């Protein structure tokens, strides 16, 4: 069974995340992870936990979501000695891609992945990002991973804004794990 974070380590990580009120607009409480990243103890605690959780998961690739998912995904892929694949906003990848549109609060956006992102057939993939709110980006990325015929093992977030229920939508596609439920 995969590990969960203990209360002491959870507190170390949670205490390192700064709240920024009214950013990017009034009424939003932004969860700033830059203070997690510059806190060596908190970042190591988080990465040690993720490595322990996924080291026996038989993963072939970590997919990081643009852009903060790159920070955690690339570091975790390095620790697990597996490949890292970025899912980017449309127009940012240089080779042949597939894309998926998703709904934002005011309009739509698109993410894409290289067609040849997973050279290994039937690759086992973990998607990771810093935060899940409504789940639109992660849902689109999940569809992209599945469209490449890879196996989506789990979707991981550092923080889950539970009141927005984005995880409920994603659990219809794959298991969801969040280090911190906010």
Protein backbone atom coordinates (compact mmCIF):
# COMPACT_ATOMS: atom_id res chain seq x y z
CA UNK A 1 0.00 0.00 0.00
CA UNK A 2 1.25 3.47 -0.81
CA UNK A 3 2.19 5.73 2.05
CA UNK A 4 0.36 8.80 3.31
CA UNK A 5 1.98 11.79 4.97
CA UNK A 6 2.12 11.81 8.76
CA UNK A 7 0.73 14.78 10.71
CA UNK A 8 4.13 16.18 11.71
CA UNK A 9 5.42 16.23 8.13
CA UNK A 10 2.08 17.59 6.91
CA UNK A 11 2.46 20.52 9.32
CA UNK A 12 6.02 21.22 8.11
CA UNK A 13 4.80 21.46 4.52
CA UNK A 14 1.57 23.33 5.25
CA UNK A 15 3.34 25.89 7.44
CA UNK A 16 5.75 26.64 4.59
CA UNK A 17 3.00 27.66 2.15
CA UNK A 18 2.17 31.35 2.21
CA UNK A 19 -1.34 32.75 1.78
CA UNK A 20 -1.65 35.82 -0.42
CA UNK A 21 -5.08 37.47 -0.02
CA UNK A 22 -6.84 39.00 -3.03
CA UNK A 23 -4.48 37.53 -5.63
CA UNK A 24 -4.87 37.40 -8.57
CA UNK A 25 -8.19 39.15 -7.93
CA UNK A 26 -10.26 40.25 -4.93
CA UNK A 27 -11.76 37.40 -2.91
CA UNK A 28 -9.13 34.82 -3.89
CA UNK A 29 -6.74 33.43 -1.25
CA UNK A 30 -3.72 32.41 -3.33
CA UNK A 31 -1.58 29.51 -2.06
CA UNK A 32 2.01 30.58 -2.77
CA UNK A 33 4.39 27.61 -3.05
CA UNK A 34 7.52 29.73 -3.54
CA UNK A 35 7.92 29.72 0.24
CA UNK A 36 7.71 25.91 0.19
CA UNK A 37 10.36 25.76 -2.51
CA UNK A 38 12.80 28.05 -0.69
CA UNK A 39 12.37 26.15 2.60
CA UNK A 40 14.86 23.28 2.29
CA UNK A 41 13.37 21.25 5.14
CA UNK A 42 9.80 21.55 3.85
CA UNK A 43 10.75 20.81 0.23
CA UNK A 44 12.84 17.79 1.23
CA UNK A 45 10.04 16.55 3.48
CA UNK A 46 7.62 16.75 0.57
CA UNK A 47 9.94 15.16 -1.98
CA UNK A 48 10.99 12.39 0.43
CA UNK A 49 7.32 11.59 0.96
CA UNK A 50 6.51 11.54 -2.75
CA UNK A 51 9.53 9.36 -3.49
CA UNK A 52 8.53 6.90 -0.77
CA UNK A 53 4.92 6.85 -1.96
CA UNK A 54 5.74 6.16 -5.61
CA UNK A 55 9.01 4.18 -5.56
CA UNK A 56 7.18 0.84 -5.75
CA UNK A 57 4.39 2.04 -8.09
CA UNK A 58 6.08 0.66 -11.23
CA UNK A 59 5.93 4.05 -12.95
CA UNK A 60 7.59 4.73 -16.30
CA UNK A 61 6.95 8.48 -16.56
CA UNK A 62 5.91 11.48 -14.50
CA UNK A 63 3.75 14.07 -16.28
CA UNK A 64 4.03 17.59 -14.88
CA UNK A 65 1.38 20.19 -15.61
CA UNK A 66 2.39 23.63 -16.86
CA UNK A 67 4.09 25.20 -14.99
CA UNK A 68 4.33 24.44 -11.27
CA UNK A 69 3.84 20.73 -11.87
CA UNK A 70 7.20 20.84 -13.68
CA UNK A 71 8.96 21.69 -10.41
CA UNK A 72 7.66 18.70 -8.50
CA UNK A 73 7.39 16.32 -11.45
CA UNK A 74 10.94 16.71 -12.76
CA UNK A 75 12.42 16.37 -9.26
CA UNK A 76 10.35 13.26 -8.55
CA UNK A 77 11.19 11.70 -11.92
CA UNK A 78 14.88 12.23 -11.17
CA UNK A 79 14.54 10.58 -7.75
CA UNK A 80 12.67 7.62 -9.25
CA UNK A 81 15.08 7.42 -12.21
CA UNK A 82 12.28 7.60 -14.78
CA UNK A 83 11.29 9.98 -17.57
CA UNK A 84 9.56 13.33 -17.20
CA UNK A 85 6.95 14.59 -19.69
CA UNK A 86 5.59 18.15 -19.70
CA UNK A 87 1.99 18.96 -20.53
CA UNK A 88 2.12 22.53 -21.81
CA UNK A 89 -0.26 25.26 -22.79
CA UNK A 90 -1.08 25.20 -26.50
CA UNK A 91 1.67 26.38 -28.83
CA UNK A 92 4.61 25.77 -26.48
CA UNK A 93 5.77 22.31 -27.63
CA UNK A 94 7.97 22.16 -30.75
CA UNK A 95 7.02 18.79 -32.28
CA UNK A 96 3.79 17.03 -33.30
CA UNK A 97 1.21 17.24 -30.51
CA UNK A 98 -2.32 16.39 -29.53
CA UNK A 99 -4.31 18.94 -27.58
CA UNK A 100 -7.32 19.06 -25.30
CA UNK A 101 -9.56 22.04 -24.63
CA UNK A 102 -10.89 22.74 -21.13
CA UNK A 103 -13.17 25.30 -19.56
CA UNK A 104 -11.96 28.15 -17.39
CA UNK A 105 -14.01 30.45 -15.21
CA UNK A 106 -14.15 32.92 -18.12
CA UNK A 107 -13.62 31.05 -21.38
CA UNK A 108 -11.48 28.15 -22.55
CA UNK A 109 -7.83 27.14 -22.72
CA UNK A 110 -5.94 24.23 -24.23
CA UNK A 111 -3.09 21.98 -23.15
CA UNK A 112 -1.02 19.69 -25.31
CA UNK A 113 1.43 16.82 -25.18
CA UNK A 114 3.85 15.44 -27.77
CA UNK A 115 2.45 12.52 -29.73
CA UNK A 116 5.61 10.56 -28.92
CA UNK A 117 5.73 11.57 -25.25
CA UNK A 118 5.77 7.95 -24.03
CA UNK A 119 8.15 5.85 -26.14
CA UNK A 120 7.46 2.81 -23.96
CA UNK A 121 4.29 1.00 -25.01
CA UNK A 122 1.57 0.82 -22.32
CA UNK A 123 3.59 3.17 -20.13
CA UNK A 124 2.56 3.63 -16.49
CA UNK A 125 2.13 7.35 -15.85
CA UNK A 126 1.63 9.60 -12.83
CA UNK A 127 0.34 13.14 -13.34
CA UNK A 128 1.45 15.74 -10.79
CA UNK A 129 0.63 19.39 -10.14
CA UNK A 130 0.84 21.78 -7.23
CA UNK A 131 -2.86 22.40 -6.67
CA UNK A 132 -6.27 21.18 -7.72
CA UNK A 133 -9.17 23.59 -7.70
CA UNK A 134 -11.93 22.73 -10.18
CA UNK A 135 -9.75 20.15 -11.95
CA UNK A 136 -10.11 21.43 -15.52
CA UNK A 137 -6.43 21.38 -16.45
CA UNK A 138 -5.80 18.00 -14.81
CA UNK A 139 -8.89 16.54 -16.48
CA UNK A 140 -7.68 17.69 -19.90
CA UNK A 141 -4.17 16.36 -19.20
CA UNK A 142 -5.63 13.03 -18.09
CA UNK A 143 -7.50 12.72 -21.37
CA UNK A 144 -4.28 13.45 -23.25
CA UNK A 145 -2.37 10.74 -21.36
CA UNK A 146 -5.14 8.24 -22.06
CA UNK A 147 -5.29 9.29 -25.73
CA UNK A 148 -1.63 8.28 -26.07
CA UNK A 149 -2.62 4.78 -24.87
CA UNK A 150 -0.63 5.11 -21.64
CA UNK A 151 -1.91 3.79 -18.30
CA UNK A 152 -2.80 6.58 -15.90
CA UNK A 153 -1.83 5.17 -12.50
CA UNK A 154 -2.73 8.18 -10.34
CA UNK A 155 -3.11 11.96 -10.33
CA UNK A 156 -1.20 13.68 -7.51
CA UNK A 157 -1.52 17.19 -6.11
CA UNK A 158 0.41 18.91 -3.37
CA UNK A 159 -2.77 20.75 -2.30
CA UNK A 160 -6.45 20.01 -2.88
CA UNK A 161 -9.01 22.77 -2.41
CA UNK A 162 -11.66 20.25 -1.28
CA UNK A 163 -14.57 22.70 -1.31
CA UNK A 164 -14.29 23.04 -5.12
CA UNK A 165 -14.63 19.25 -5.61
CA UNK A 166 -12.23 19.00 -8.55
CA UNK A 167 -10.98 15.70 -7.18
CA UNK A 168 -14.48 14.17 -7.43
CA UNK A 169 -14.52 14.78 -11.18
CA UNK A 170 -11.01 13.34 -11.66
CA UNK A 171 -11.66 10.20 -9.64
CA UNK A 172 -13.90 9.04 -12.50
CA UNK A 173 -10.73 8.80 -14.62
CA UNK A 174 -8.03 7.67 -12.15
CA UNK A 175 -7.24 7.58 -8.43
CA UNK A 176 -6.43 11.00 -6.98
CA UNK A 177 -3.97 11.62 -4.15
CA UNK A 178 -3.38 14.95 -2.47
CA UNK A 179 -0.65 15.54 0.07
CA UNK A 180 -2.66 18.33 1.76
CA UNK A 181 -6.41 18.83 1.79
CA UNK A 182 -7.24 22.51 2.24
